[in-house]
Amino acid sequence: MTDTNFLLDDDLDEETANNNKNQTKSILDDLDLENESFAEKNNKNEANNDEGVVISKSKVVLINKLLKNIQETNEKIQKLLSGTITTEEEARISIGQIGEVPRFSGVDDEQGPSGDNSRIIEGVFDGENMIGPDGKQYSVPANYASKSKLIEGDILKLTITPTGTFMYKQIGPIDRIRVVGVLEQADNGSFTVVNGSKRWKVLTASVTYYKGQDNDEVVILVPKVGESNWAAVENIVRKGY
């Protein structure tokens, strides 16, 4: 009886060990499956995060105009290297531009007295405002934009003094071409210039400066490269003259 009991005990111990081994293997398998599932979820989340990156429209516009400005600057550099720019133009050339930089009356070239804590911001003119590198809009005086004949894509430098005064300077005018069109006034008082199937908005300040009226002939400036919604008024030929 004693031998039989020993045999039964040994069999039970072996069976218990096998059961424990099987349970342990099952637990490990479950853990592996959970880890694989967790890793797959992480990968999907990372993929979703990558696909969900959103860039604001204002930043897209800014980047697009900066790229156009870079393209035009490269073209000028290539012309300079090939010797197609005259000596006079070369003497007047500065970084990224040819010719004089139009200035706003009362704007100093310098940042200001040393230590005056003025802020300097560079951005792109969108036809009405300056778009900063952060995507923010900075109001540009219509009289200054009209006088300087700013067009979409021009690079501006804004100095904000400690007293809150805004001082603009055009530091990177893009290449422009002249277009002749007809002035049209909308019911709300705004003006557009039409040439064939194309239409551009123009600043009211520019039209009133030249005393323009509906159906007058207008000479406008638009970017040489790419399309634009706004144009700068260069001159107006009033009807009847």
C-alpha atoms as a PDB file:
ATOM      1  CA  MET A   1       0.000   0.000   0.000  1.00  0.00           C
ATOM      2  CA  THR A   2       2.838   2.325   0.772  1.00  0.00           C
ATOM      3  CA  ASP A   3       4.458   1.756  -2.639  1.00  0.00           C
ATOM      4  CA  THR A   4       1.143   2.395  -4.336  1.00  0.00           C
ATOM      5  CA  ASN A   5       0.709   5.637  -2.408  1.00  0.00           C
ATOM      6  CA  PHE A   6       4.219   6.788  -3.449  1.00  0.00           C
ATOM      7  CA  LEU A   7       3.437   6.050  -7.079  1.00  0.00           C
ATOM      8  CA  LEU A   8       0.196   8.001  -6.889  1.00  0.00           C
ATOM      9  CA  ASP A   9       1.964  10.920  -5.228  1.00  0.00           C
ATOM     10  CA  ASP A  10       4.654  10.937  -7.941  1.00  0.00           C
ATOM     11  CA  ASP A  11       2.023  10.844 -10.667  1.00  0.00           C
ATOM     12  CA  LEU A  12       0.147  13.729  -9.054  1.00  0.00           C
ATOM     13  CA  ASP A  13       3.336  15.791  -8.701  1.00  0.00           C
ATOM     14  CA  GLU A  14       4.192  15.198 -12.375  1.00  0.00           C
ATOM     15  CA  GLU A  15       0.650  16.065 -13.466  1.00  0.00           C
ATOM     16  CA  THR A  16       0.669  19.230 -11.327  1.00  0.00           C
ATOM     17  CA  ALA A  17       4.009  20.282 -12.783  1.00  0.00           C
ATOM     18  CA  ASN A  18       2.727  19.739 -16.306  1.00  0.00           C
ATOM     19  CA  ASN A  19      -0.403  21.748 -15.553  1.00  0.00           C
ATOM     20  CA  ASN A  20       1.666  24.595 -14.091  1.00  0.00           C
ATOM     21  CA  LYS A  21       3.954  24.505 -17.120  1.00  0.00           C
ATOM     22  CA  ASN A  22       0.998  24.631 -19.487  1.00  0.00           C
ATOM     23  CA  GLN A  23      -0.596  27.504 -17.541  1.00  0.00           C
ATOM     24  CA  THR A  24       2.675  29.443 -17.559  1.00  0.00           C
ATOM     25  CA  LYS A  25       3.052  28.915 -21.327  1.00  0.00           C
ATOM     26  CA  SER A  26      -0.532  30.067 -21.864  1.00  0.00           C
ATOM     27  CA  ILE A  27       0.063  33.227 -19.804  1.00  0.00           C
ATOM     28  CA  LEU A  28       3.260  33.996 -21.722  1.00  0.00           C
ATOM     29  CA  ASP A  29       1.469  33.466 -25.031  1.00  0.00           C
ATOM     30  CA  ASP A  30      -1.286  35.840 -23.908  1.00  0.00           C
ATOM     31  CA  LEU A  31       1.304  38.445 -22.916  1.00  0.00           C
ATOM     32  CA  ASP A  32       2.998  38.139 -26.318  1.00  0.00           C
ATOM     33  CA  LEU A  33      -0.327  38.654 -28.071  1.00  0.00           C
ATOM     34  CA  GLU A  34      -1.077  41.697 -25.904  1.00  0.00           C
ATOM     35  CA  ASN A  35       2.365  43.170 -26.633  1.00  0.00           C
ATOM     36  CA  GLU A  36       1.905  42.630 -30.383  1.00  0.00           C
ATOM     37  CA  SER A  37      -1.551  44.218 -30.237  1.00  0.00           C
ATOM     38  CA  PHE A  38      -0.195  47.173 -28.234  1.00  0.00           C
ATOM     39  CA  ALA A  39       2.663  47.662 -30.719  1.00  0.00           C
ATOM     40  CA  GLU A  40       0.227  47.585 -33.646  1.00  0.00           C
ATOM     41  CA  LYS A  41      -1.979  50.196 -31.955  1.00  0.00           C
ATOM     42  CA  ASN A  42       1.064  52.409 -31.318  1.00  0.00           C
ATOM     43  CA  ASN A  43       2.118  52.133 -34.960  1.00  0.00           C
ATOM     44  CA  LYS A  44      -1.402  53.015 -36.103  1.00  0.00           C
ATOM     45  CA  ASN A  45      -1.517  55.987 -33.710  1.00  0.00           C
ATOM     46  CA  GLU A  46       1.856  57.219 -34.969  1.00  0.00           C
ATOM     47  CA  ALA A  47       0.679  56.853 -38.562  1.00  0.00           C
ATOM     48  CA  ASN A  48      -2.522  58.728 -37.756  1.00  0.00           C
ATOM     49  CA  ASN A  49      -0.530  61.470 -36.038  1.00  0.00           C
ATOM     50  CA  ASP A  50       1.725  61.801 -39.084  1.00  0.00           C
ATOM     51  CA  GLU A  51      -1.254  61.990 -41.418  1.00  0.00           C
ATOM     52  CA  GLY A  52      -3.040  64.464 -39.173  1.00  0.00           C
ATOM     53  CA  VAL A  53      -0.440  67.239 -39.371  1.00  0.00           C
ATOM     54  CA  VAL A  54      -2.237  70.418 -40.461  1.00  0.00           C
ATOM     55  CA  ILE A  55      -0.625  73.616 -41.768  1.00  0.00           C
ATOM     56  CA  SER A  56      -2.703  76.790 -41.643  1.00  0.00           C
ATOM     57  CA  LYS A  57      -3.637  78.406 -44.962  1.00  0.00           C
ATOM     58  CA  SER A  58      -1.823  81.615 -44.028  1.00  0.00           C
ATOM     59  CA  LYS A  59       1.438  79.703 -43.539  1.00  0.00           C
ATOM     60  CA  VAL A  60       0.949  77.903 -46.854  1.00  0.00           C
ATOM     61  CA  VAL A  61       0.496  81.281 -48.575  1.00  0.00           C
ATOM     62  CA  LEU A  62       3.589  82.654 -46.834  1.00  0.00           C
ATOM     63  CA  ILE A  63       5.719  79.640 -47.791  1.00  0.00           C
ATOM     64  CA  ASN A  64       4.488  79.773 -51.390  1.00  0.00           C
ATOM     65  CA  LYS A  65       5.334  83.468 -51.776  1.00  0.00           C
ATOM     66  CA  LEU A  66       8.733  83.028 -50.105  1.00  0.00           C
ATOM     67  CA  LEU A  67       9.545  80.218 -52.537  1.00  0.00           C
ATOM     68  CA  LYS A  68       8.588  82.443 -55.478  1.00  0.00           C
ATOM     69  CA  ASN A  69      10.791  85.218 -54.089  1.00  0.00           C
ATOM     70  CA  ILE A  70      13.687  82.770 -53.721  1.00  0.00           C
ATOM     71  CA  GLN A  71      13.167  81.615 -57.313  1.00  0.00           C
ATOM     72  CA  GLU A  72      13.320  85.180 -58.631  1.00  0.00           C
ATOM     73  CA  THR A  73      16.386  85.930 -56.504  1.00  0.00           C
ATOM     74  CA  ASN A  74      18.126  82.879 -57.970  1.00  0.00           C
ATOM     75  CA  GLU A  75      17.301  84.082 -61.478  1.00  0.00           C
ATOM     76  CA  LYS A  76      18.897  87.454 -60.715  1.00  0.00           C
ATOM     77  CA  ILE A  77      21.999  85.742 -59.357  1.00  0.00           C
ATOM     78  CA  GLN A  78      22.262  83.639 -62.512  1.00  0.00           C
ATOM     79  CA  LYS A  79      21.952  86.740 -64.686  1.00  0.00           C
ATOM     80  CA  LEU A  80      24.623  88.472 -62.632  1.00  0.00           C
ATOM     81  CA  LEU A  81      26.995  85.535 -62.994  1.00  0.00           C
ATOM     82  CA  SER A  82      26.357  85.318 -66.730  1.00  0.00           C
ATOM     83  CA  GLY A  83      27.182  88.999 -67.189  1.00  0.00           C
ATOM     84  CA  THR A  84      23.750  90.006 -68.499  1.00  0.00           C
ATOM     85  CA  ILE A  85      23.272  92.677 -65.803  1.00  0.00           C
ATOM     86  CA  THR A  86      24.710  96.066 -66.693  1.00  0.00           C
ATOM     87  CA  THR A  87      27.410  97.779 -64.652  1.00  0.00           C
ATOM     88  CA  GLU A  88      24.896 100.401 -63.551  1.00  0.00           C
ATOM     89  CA  GLU A  89      22.469  97.763 -62.333  1.00  0.00           C
ATOM     90  CA  GLU A  90      25.267  95.904 -60.570  1.00  0.00           C
ATOM     91  CA  ALA A  91      26.232  99.079 -58.716  1.00  0.00           C
ATOM     92  CA  ARG A  92      22.657  99.481 -57.505  1.00  0.00           C
ATOM     93  CA  ILE A  93      22.020  95.865 -56.653  1.00  0.00           C
ATOM     94  CA  SER A  94      21.512  94.750 -53.057  1.00  0.00           C
ATOM     95  CA  ILE A  95      20.656  91.376 -51.614  1.00  0.00           C
ATOM     96  CA  GLY A  96      17.587  89.973 -53.355  1.00  0.00           C
ATOM     97  CA  GLN A  97      16.663  93.104 -55.330  1.00  0.00           C
ATOM     98  CA  ILE A  98      17.583  95.510 -58.131  1.00  0.00           C
ATOM     99  CA  GLY A  99      16.914  99.217 -58.000  1.00  0.00           C
ATOM    100  CA  GLU A 100      16.000 101.561 -55.219  1.00  0.00           C
ATOM    101  CA  VAL A 101      13.929 100.368 -52.304  1.00  0.00           C
ATOM    102  CA  PRO A 102      10.737 102.409 -52.024  1.00  0.00           C
ATOM    103  CA  ARG A 103      10.500 103.995 -48.587  1.00  0.00           C
ATOM    104  CA  PHE A 104       7.680 105.167 -46.408  1.00  0.00           C
ATOM    105  CA  SER A 105       8.028 108.780 -45.335  1.00  0.00           C
ATOM    106  CA  GLY A 106       9.467 109.007 -41.847  1.00  0.00           C
ATOM    107  CA  VAL A 107      10.827 105.467 -41.733  1.00  0.00           C
ATOM    108  CA  ASP A 108      14.413 105.247 -40.576  1.00  0.00           C
ATOM    109  CA  ASP A 109      16.717 102.681 -42.167  1.00  0.00           C
ATOM    110  CA  GLU A 110      18.115 101.783 -38.764  1.00  0.00           C
ATOM    111  CA  GLN A 111      16.380  99.755 -36.109  1.00  0.00           C
ATOM    112  CA  GLY A 112      16.619 102.643 -33.691  1.00  0.00           C
ATOM    113  CA  PRO A 113      18.866 103.753 -30.839  1.00  0.00           C
ATOM    114  CA  SER A 114      20.844 100.959 -29.245  1.00  0.00           C
ATOM    115  CA  GLY A 115      18.909  99.229 -26.503  1.00  0.00           C
ATOM    116  CA  ASP A 116      15.507 100.669 -27.445  1.00  0.00           C
ATOM    117  CA  ASN A 117      13.990  97.139 -27.500  1.00  0.00           C
ATOM    118  CA  SER A 118      12.384  97.598 -30.914  1.00  0.00           C
ATOM    119  CA  ARG A 119      10.990  94.440 -32.511  1.00  0.00           C
ATOM    120  CA  ILE A 120      11.945  93.541 -36.067  1.00  0.00           C
ATOM    121  CA  ILE A 121       9.606  91.306 -38.071  1.00  0.00           C
ATOM    122  CA  GLU A 122       9.990  90.312 -41.712  1.00  0.00           C
ATOM    123  CA  GLY A 123       7.070  89.044 -43.731  1.00  0.00           C
ATOM    124  CA  VAL A 124       5.303  88.861 -47.079  1.00  0.00           C
ATOM    125  CA  PHE A 125       2.805  91.392 -48.405  1.00  0.00           C
ATOM    126  CA  ASP A 126      -0.466  89.693 -49.425  1.00  0.00           C
ATOM    127  CA  GLY A 127      -2.092  92.680 -51.135  1.00  0.00           C
ATOM    128  CA  GLU A 128      -3.474  94.275 -47.980  1.00  0.00           C
ATOM    129  CA  ASN A 129      -1.435  93.113 -44.995  1.00  0.00           C
ATOM    130  CA  MET A 130       1.957  91.675 -44.113  1.00  0.00           C
ATOM    131  CA  ILE A 131       1.978  87.993 -43.170  1.00  0.00           C
ATOM    132  CA  GLY A 132       4.665  87.259 -40.576  1.00  0.00           C
ATOM    133  CA  PRO A 133       6.631  84.004 -40.233  1.00  0.00           C
ATOM    134  CA  ASP A 134       4.219  82.988 -37.469  1.00  0.00           C
ATOM    135  CA  GLY A 135       1.243  83.347 -39.812  1.00  0.00           C
ATOM    136  CA  LYS A 136      -0.027  86.502 -38.095  1.00  0.00           C
ATOM    137  CA  GLN A 137      -1.333  89.454 -40.106  1.00  0.00           C
ATOM    138  CA  TYR A 138       0.171  92.896 -39.587  1.00  0.00           C
ATOM    139  CA  SER A 139      -1.801  95.872 -40.865  1.00  0.00           C
ATOM    140  CA  VAL A 140      -0.025  97.854 -43.593  1.00  0.00           C
ATOM    141  CA  PRO A 141      -1.186 101.479 -44.067  1.00  0.00           C
ATOM    142  CA  ALA A 142      -3.042 101.710 -47.388  1.00  0.00           C
ATOM    143  CA  ASN A 143      -1.353 105.026 -48.207  1.00  0.00           C
ATOM    144  CA  TYR A 144       2.100 103.460 -47.787  1.00  0.00           C
ATOM    145  CA  ALA A 145       1.182 100.393 -49.834  1.00  0.00           C
ATOM    146  CA  SER A 146      -0.212 102.634 -52.586  1.00  0.00           C
ATOM    147  CA  LYS A 147       2.732 105.039 -52.600  1.00  0.00           C
ATOM    148  CA  SER A 148       5.278 102.202 -52.641  1.00  0.00           C
ATOM    149  CA  LYS A 149       3.230 100.259 -55.229  1.00  0.00           C
ATOM    150  CA  LEU A 150       3.479  97.058 -53.193  1.00  0.00           C
ATOM    151  CA  ILE A 151       2.328  93.842 -54.836  1.00  0.00           C
ATOM    152  CA  GLU A 152       1.700  90.341 -53.547  1.00  0.00           C
ATOM    153  CA  GLY A 153       4.950  88.588 -52.680  1.00  0.00           C
ATOM    154  CA  ASP A 154       7.012  91.663 -51.791  1.00  0.00           C
ATOM    155  CA  ILE A 155       9.114  91.159 -48.661  1.00  0.00           C
ATOM    156  CA  LEU A 156       8.683  93.782 -45.946  1.00  0.00           C
ATOM    157  CA  LYS A 157      10.498  94.578 -42.734  1.00  0.00           C
ATOM    158  CA  LEU A 158       8.381  95.846 -39.871  1.00  0.00           C
ATOM    159  CA  THR A 159       9.918  97.700 -36.936  1.00  0.00           C
ATOM    160  CA  ILE A 160       7.695  97.979 -33.879  1.00  0.00           C
ATOM    161  CA  THR A 161       9.046 100.610 -31.503  1.00  0.00           C
ATOM    162  CA  PRO A 162       8.622 100.474 -27.710  1.00  0.00           C
ATOM    163  CA  THR A 163       5.867 103.093 -28.076  1.00  0.00           C
ATOM    164  CA  GLY A 164       3.937 100.818 -30.442  1.00  0.00           C
ATOM    165  CA  THR A 165       4.695 102.670 -33.676  1.00  0.00           C
ATOM    166  CA  PHE A 166       4.751 100.525 -36.824  1.00  0.00           C
ATOM    167  CA  MET A 167       7.434 101.406 -39.378  1.00  0.00           C
ATOM    168  CA  TYR A 168       7.583  99.472 -42.650  1.00  0.00           C
ATOM    169  CA  LYS A 169      10.329  99.114 -45.221  1.00  0.00           C
ATOM    170  CA  GLN A 170      10.247  97.177 -48.482  1.00  0.00           C
ATOM    171  CA  ILE A 171      13.378  94.997 -48.513  1.00  0.00           C
ATOM    172  CA  GLY A 172      12.630  92.444 -51.234  1.00  0.00           C
ATOM    173  CA  PRO A 173      10.454  93.552 -54.152  1.00  0.00           C
ATOM    174  CA  ILE A 174       9.679  90.728 -56.554  1.00  0.00           C
ATOM    175  CA  ASP A 175       9.766  91.117 -60.331  1.00  0.00           C
ATOM    176  CA  ARG A 176       6.639  92.715 -61.732  1.00  0.00           C
ATOM    177  CA  ILE A 177       5.041  93.384 -65.091  1.00  0.00           C
ATOM    178  CA  ARG A 178       2.639  96.070 -66.302  1.00  0.00           C
ATOM    179  CA  VAL A 179      -0.903  95.237 -67.337  1.00  0.00           C
ATOM    180  CA  VAL A 180      -3.483  97.625 -68.787  1.00  0.00           C
ATOM    181  CA  GLY A 181      -7.078  97.086 -67.735  1.00  0.00           C
ATOM    182  CA  VAL A 182     -10.411  98.741 -67.065  1.00  0.00           C
ATOM    183  CA  LEU A 183     -11.445  99.999 -63.643  1.00  0.00           C
ATOM    184  CA  GLU A 184     -14.691  98.664 -62.209  1.00  0.00           C
ATOM    185  CA  GLN A 185     -16.392  99.754 -59.002  1.00  0.00           C
ATOM    186  CA  ALA A 186     -18.590  97.351 -57.054  1.00  0.00           C
ATOM    187  CA  ASP A 187     -21.764  98.257 -55.170  1.00  0.00           C
ATOM    188  CA  ASN A 188     -19.853  98.193 -51.886  1.00  0.00           C
ATOM    189  CA  GLY A 189     -17.401 100.825 -53.179  1.00  0.00           C
ATOM    190  CA  SER A 190     -14.434  98.498 -53.722  1.00  0.00           C
ATOM    191  CA  PHE A 191     -12.482  98.556 -56.992  1.00  0.00           C
ATOM    192  CA  THR A 192     -11.192  95.894 -59.362  1.00  0.00           C
ATOM    193  CA  VAL A 193      -9.244  96.027 -62.613  1.00  0.00           C
ATOM    194  CA  VAL A 194     -10.322  93.768 -65.478  1.00  0.00           C
ATOM    195  CA  ASN A 195      -8.215  92.558 -68.382  1.00  0.00           C
ATOM    196  CA  GLY A 196      -9.950  89.925 -70.491  1.00  0.00           C
ATOM    197  CA  SER A 197     -10.848  87.022 -68.220  1.00  0.00           C
ATOM    198  CA  LYS A 198      -8.534  88.191 -65.439  1.00  0.00           C
ATOM    199  CA  ARG A 199      -9.533  90.395 -62.542  1.00  0.00           C
ATOM    200  CA  TRP A 200      -7.453  91.987 -59.761  1.00  0.00           C
ATOM    201  CA  LYS A 201      -8.419  93.815 -56.600  1.00  0.00           C
ATOM    202  CA  VAL A 202      -6.804  97.218 -56.052  1.00  0.00           C
ATOM    203  CA  LEU A 203      -6.592  99.392 -52.955  1.00  0.00           C
ATOM    204  CA  THR A 204      -9.222 102.120 -52.762  1.00  0.00           C
ATOM    205  CA  ALA A 205      -6.532 104.537 -51.580  1.00  0.00           C
ATOM    206  CA  SER A 206      -4.676 104.042 -54.875  1.00  0.00           C
ATOM    207  CA  VAL A 207      -7.783 104.779 -56.948  1.00  0.00           C
ATOM    208  CA  THR A 208      -8.789 107.858 -54.972  1.00  0.00           C
ATOM    209  CA  TYR A 209      -5.229 109.217 -55.184  1.00  0.00           C
ATOM    210  CA  TYR A 210      -5.479 109.221 -58.993  1.00  0.00           C
ATOM    211  CA  LYS A 211      -9.157 110.246 -58.816  1.00  0.00           C
ATOM    212  CA  GLY A 212     -10.122 107.151 -60.739  1.00  0.00           C
ATOM    213  CA  GLN A 213     -13.682 106.424 -61.789  1.00  0.00           C
ATOM    214  CA  ASP A 214     -15.645 103.501 -63.146  1.00  0.00           C
ATOM    215  CA  ASN A 215     -14.517 102.450 -66.663  1.00  0.00           C
ATOM    216  CA  ASP A 216     -11.252 104.423 -66.505  1.00  0.00           C
ATOM    217  CA  GLU A 217      -8.188 102.824 -68.086  1.00  0.00           C
ATOM    218  CA  VAL A 218      -5.713 101.644 -65.453  1.00  0.00           C
ATOM    219  CA  VAL A 219      -2.055 100.627 -65.603  1.00  0.00           C
ATOM    220  CA  ILE A 220      -1.362  98.097 -62.869  1.00  0.00           C
ATOM    221  CA  LEU A 221       1.632  96.117 -61.604  1.00  0.00           C
ATOM    222  CA  VAL A 222       1.337  92.373 -60.971  1.00  0.00           C
ATOM    223  CA  PRO A 223       3.885  89.633 -60.151  1.00  0.00           C
ATOM    224  CA  LYS A 224       5.877  88.443 -63.157  1.00  0.00           C
ATOM    225  CA  VAL A 225       5.724  84.858 -61.881  1.00  0.00           C
ATOM    226  CA  GLY A 226       2.521  83.199 -60.721  1.00  0.00           C
ATOM    227  CA  GLU A 227      -1.032  84.416 -60.233  1.00  0.00           C
ATOM    228  CA  SER A 228      -2.202  87.124 -57.831  1.00  0.00           C
ATOM    229  CA  ASN A 229      -5.500  88.421 -56.488  1.00  0.00           C
ATOM    230  CA  TRP A 230      -4.251  91.964 -55.910  1.00  0.00           C
ATOM    231  CA  ALA A 231      -2.462  94.510 -58.084  1.00  0.00           C
ATOM    232  CA  ALA A 232      -0.749  97.847 -57.484  1.00  0.00           C
ATOM    233  CA  VAL A 233      -2.030 100.884 -59.371  1.00  0.00           C
ATOM    234  CA  GLU A 234       0.746 102.597 -61.325  1.00  0.00           C
ATOM    235  CA  ASN A 235      -1.401 105.121 -63.166  1.00  0.00           C
ATOM    236  CA  ILE A 236      -4.951 105.867 -64.263  1.00  0.00           C
ATOM    237  CA  VAL A 237      -6.000 107.384 -67.576  1.00  0.00           C
ATOM    238  CA  ARG A 238      -9.321 109.038 -66.906  1.00  0.00           C
ATOM    239  CA  LYS A 239     -11.964 108.685 -69.572  1.00  0.00           C
ATOM    240  CA  GLY A 240     -12.561 111.841 -71.603  1.00  0.00           C
ATOM    241  CA  TYR A 241      -8.869 112.823 -71.522  1.00  0.00           C
END
